[in-house]
Amino acid sequence: MSADETGPSADRAGDPGLLTTVVSALYESGWALDVDWDLETFDVLPRDGEGEPLLGVVMSHSRAVAFYRVHPEHLPVGARAAVAAFVTRQNTLLVTSAFELNLDTGNLSLRSGFAFPDMELDLPVVQAILDRLVCEVEAVHERTQPELESVIARAIRVGATPTADDPPTPEDHA
């Protein structure tokens, strides 16, 4: 992503647009962002400088925004069934967020999103909505991460040996 720490541009074709509204609300709430205006995506940088950024995606066509906590590694093929069972159980407990697992690629993420109504909302309302989405993803991530990592490690230990179908890991390139 291209860094944009200065805030949204004031002249975006006369219409601030959803991305500009979202970015403005997050800046006003004190978040540091790395915005890619062309792709309508942004990273919400951790306030304490520790950890990974949260991915934000604006879908202007549907007036929606989603936040993703993406697992840093592709899941090995042998661990995907155990992780699928884990995230299915977790999803039954979640209300405004959900785990997404692509069984073909091993991509895993935790998502929370909101579709904005077709009306203007005051900035404090948008800030409250976005804050709730960010807090939801982070709280669920913090609560489930230890067990998720345990499920992955156990599945690998029990017999998930790497296959030709597994994408390379950073260790493979060391």
Protein backbone atom coordinates (compact mmCIF):
# COMPACT_ATOMS: atom_id res chain seq x y z
CA MET A 1 0.00 0.00 0.00
CA SER A 2 1.13 3.52 -0.51
CA ALA A 3 1.55 5.45 2.70
CA ASP A 4 -0.82 8.33 3.31
CA GLU A 5 -0.41 9.76 6.78
CA THR A 6 -1.77 13.20 5.93
CA GLY A 7 -5.45 12.41 5.78
CA PRO A 8 -7.97 12.31 2.96
CA SER A 9 -7.92 14.68 0.04
CA ALA A 10 -10.55 17.39 0.22
CA ASP A 11 -11.37 17.45 -3.49
CA ARG A 12 -12.42 14.01 -4.67
CA ALA A 13 -14.72 14.82 -7.60
CA GLY A 14 -16.93 17.03 -5.42
CA ASP A 15 -18.33 14.02 -3.54
CA PRO A 16 -16.41 12.92 -0.49
CA GLY A 17 -17.35 9.30 -1.09
CA LEU A 18 -17.46 6.47 1.36
CA LEU A 19 -13.69 5.90 1.46
CA THR A 20 -13.04 9.54 2.32
CA THR A 21 -15.76 9.45 4.99
CA VAL A 22 -14.35 6.25 6.52
CA VAL A 23 -10.76 7.51 6.46
CA SER A 24 -11.80 10.87 7.95
CA ALA A 25 -13.72 9.17 10.75
CA LEU A 26 -10.79 6.89 11.58
CA TYR A 27 -8.31 9.79 11.55
CA GLU A 28 -10.61 11.80 13.81
CA SER A 29 -10.72 8.82 16.17
CA GLY A 30 -6.93 8.90 16.42
CA TRP A 31 -6.02 5.99 14.17
CA ALA A 32 -2.95 6.12 11.92
CA LEU A 33 -3.66 4.73 8.48
CA ASP A 34 -1.84 3.62 5.38
CA VAL A 35 -4.36 4.31 2.57
CA ASP A 36 -4.42 3.06 -1.01
CA TRP A 37 -6.95 5.40 -2.61
CA ASP A 38 -6.99 3.53 -5.94
CA LEU A 39 -7.78 0.13 -4.43
CA GLU A 40 -10.07 1.60 -1.72
CA THR A 41 -8.16 -0.26 0.96
CA PHE A 42 -6.27 0.84 4.03
CA ASP A 43 -4.28 -0.54 6.91
CA VAL A 44 -5.27 0.52 10.42
CA LEU A 45 -1.93 0.69 12.19
CA PRO A 46 -1.69 -0.56 15.78
CA ARG A 47 -1.85 2.30 18.25
CA ASP A 48 1.02 0.91 20.30
CA GLY A 49 3.15 0.16 17.24
CA GLU A 50 3.12 -3.54 18.11
CA GLY A 51 1.52 -6.25 16.01
CA GLU A 52 0.11 -6.39 12.54
CA PRO A 53 -2.13 -3.76 10.95
CA LEU A 54 -5.82 -4.43 10.46
CA LEU A 55 -6.89 -4.45 6.80
CA GLY A 56 -9.81 -2.20 5.87
CA VAL A 57 -11.70 -2.50 2.60
CA VAL A 58 -14.32 -0.07 1.32
CA MET A 59 -16.78 -1.35 -1.28
CA SER A 60 -18.24 1.85 -2.69
CA HIS A 61 -20.62 0.01 -5.01
CA SER A 62 -22.39 -1.53 -2.02
CA ARG A 63 -21.64 1.30 0.46
CA ALA A 64 -19.95 -1.16 2.79
CA VAL A 65 -16.75 -1.36 4.79
CA ALA A 66 -15.08 -4.46 6.19
CA PHE A 67 -12.14 -4.99 8.52
CA TYR A 68 -10.01 -8.12 8.26
CA ARG A 69 -7.52 -9.66 10.67
CA VAL A 70 -5.66 -11.92 8.23
CA HIS A 71 -3.73 -14.92 9.55
CA PRO A 72 -0.09 -14.28 8.64
CA GLU A 73 0.53 -17.69 7.04
CA HIS A 74 -1.33 -19.98 4.67
CA LEU A 75 -2.58 -22.99 6.58
CA PRO A 76 -0.95 -26.29 5.64
CA VAL A 77 -3.30 -28.65 3.80
CA GLY A 78 -3.20 -31.16 6.67
CA ALA A 79 -4.36 -28.56 9.21
CA ARG A 80 -7.27 -27.14 7.22
CA ALA A 81 -9.92 -29.65 8.36
CA ALA A 82 -9.13 -29.08 12.04
CA VAL A 83 -9.12 -25.30 11.56
CA ALA A 84 -12.39 -25.52 9.60
CA ALA A 85 -14.00 -27.32 12.55
CA PHE A 86 -12.59 -24.73 14.97
CA VAL A 87 -13.79 -21.69 13.00
CA THR A 88 -17.20 -23.26 12.43
CA ARG A 89 -17.63 -23.64 16.19
CA GLN A 90 -16.38 -20.09 16.75
CA ASN A 91 -18.71 -18.64 14.11
CA THR A 92 -21.73 -20.00 15.97
CA LEU A 93 -20.68 -17.84 18.95
CA LEU A 94 -20.06 -14.64 16.97
CA VAL A 95 -22.69 -12.01 16.25
CA THR A 96 -21.15 -9.24 14.15
CA SER A 97 -17.98 -10.91 12.91
CA ALA A 98 -17.03 -14.18 11.25
CA PHE A 99 -14.05 -16.31 10.38
CA GLU A 100 -13.46 -16.97 6.69
CA LEU A 101 -11.38 -19.95 5.59
CA ASN A 102 -10.54 -20.73 1.98
CA LEU A 103 -9.98 -24.48 1.96
CA ASP A 104 -8.29 -24.34 -1.45
CA THR A 105 -5.62 -21.76 -0.56
CA GLY A 106 -5.42 -22.01 3.22
CA ASN A 107 -6.14 -18.30 3.66
CA LEU A 108 -7.78 -17.55 7.01
CA SER A 109 -9.19 -14.24 8.18
CA LEU A 110 -11.53 -12.80 10.74
CA ARG A 111 -13.95 -10.21 9.35
CA SER A 112 -16.38 -7.62 10.61
CA GLY A 113 -18.32 -5.35 8.31
CA PHE A 114 -21.12 -2.86 7.93
CA ALA A 115 -23.26 -1.73 5.00
CA PHE A 116 -24.00 1.98 5.34
CA PRO A 117 -27.55 3.16 4.67
CA ASP A 118 -28.20 5.29 1.63
CA MET A 119 -28.20 8.48 3.69
CA GLU A 120 -25.66 10.82 5.20
CA LEU A 121 -24.58 10.00 8.74
CA ASP A 122 -22.93 12.44 11.10
CA LEU A 123 -19.21 11.91 11.64
CA PRO A 124 -19.64 10.86 15.31
CA VAL A 125 -22.07 8.13 14.21
CA VAL A 126 -19.65 6.85 11.57
CA GLN A 127 -16.83 6.96 14.14
CA ALA A 128 -18.90 4.89 16.59
CA ILE A 129 -19.74 2.30 13.93
CA LEU A 130 -16.14 1.96 12.77
CA ASP A 131 -14.80 1.82 16.30
CA ARG A 132 -17.21 -1.03 17.06
CA LEU A 133 -16.07 -2.95 13.98
CA VAL A 134 -12.37 -2.55 14.83
CA CYS A 135 -12.96 -3.48 18.48
CA GLU A 136 -14.99 -6.54 17.49
CA VAL A 137 -12.29 -7.95 15.24
CA GLU A 138 -9.54 -7.26 17.75
CA ALA A 139 -11.45 -8.68 20.72
CA VAL A 140 -12.37 -11.90 18.89
CA HIS A 141 -8.82 -12.22 17.57
CA GLU A 142 -7.34 -11.79 21.04
CA ARG A 143 -9.81 -14.27 22.54
CA THR A 144 -9.43 -16.98 19.89
CA GLN A 145 -5.79 -16.67 18.77
CA PRO A 146 -4.23 -18.92 21.46
CA GLU A 147 -6.68 -21.76 20.81
CA LEU A 148 -6.42 -21.33 17.03
CA GLU A 149 -2.63 -21.59 17.14
CA SER A 150 -2.96 -24.65 19.37
CA VAL A 151 -5.35 -26.29 16.88
CA ILE A 152 -2.93 -25.60 14.02
CA ALA A 153 0.09 -26.90 15.94
CA ARG A 154 -1.76 -30.03 17.08
CA ALA A 155 -2.96 -30.79 13.54
CA ILE A 156 0.56 -30.41 12.20
CA ARG A 157 2.01 -32.60 14.98
CA VAL A 158 -0.59 -35.32 14.48
CA GLY A 159 0.45 -35.96 10.94
CA ALA A 160 0.08 -32.97 8.72
CA THR A 161 3.26 -33.24 6.74
CA PRO A 162 3.88 -30.67 4.01
CA THR A 163 2.79 -31.72 0.55
CA ALA A 164 3.42 -30.34 -2.91
CA ASP A 165 0.03 -28.56 -2.61
CA ASP A 166 1.18 -26.47 0.38
CA PRO A 167 2.32 -22.95 -0.47
CA PRO A 168 5.89 -22.17 0.58
CA THR A 169 6.44 -20.74 4.05
CA PRO A 170 9.00 -18.07 4.98
CA GLU A 171 11.13 -20.84 6.50
CA ASP A 172 11.30 -22.51 3.06
CA HIS A 173 13.12 -19.46 1.73
CA ALA A 174 15.62 -19.14 4.59
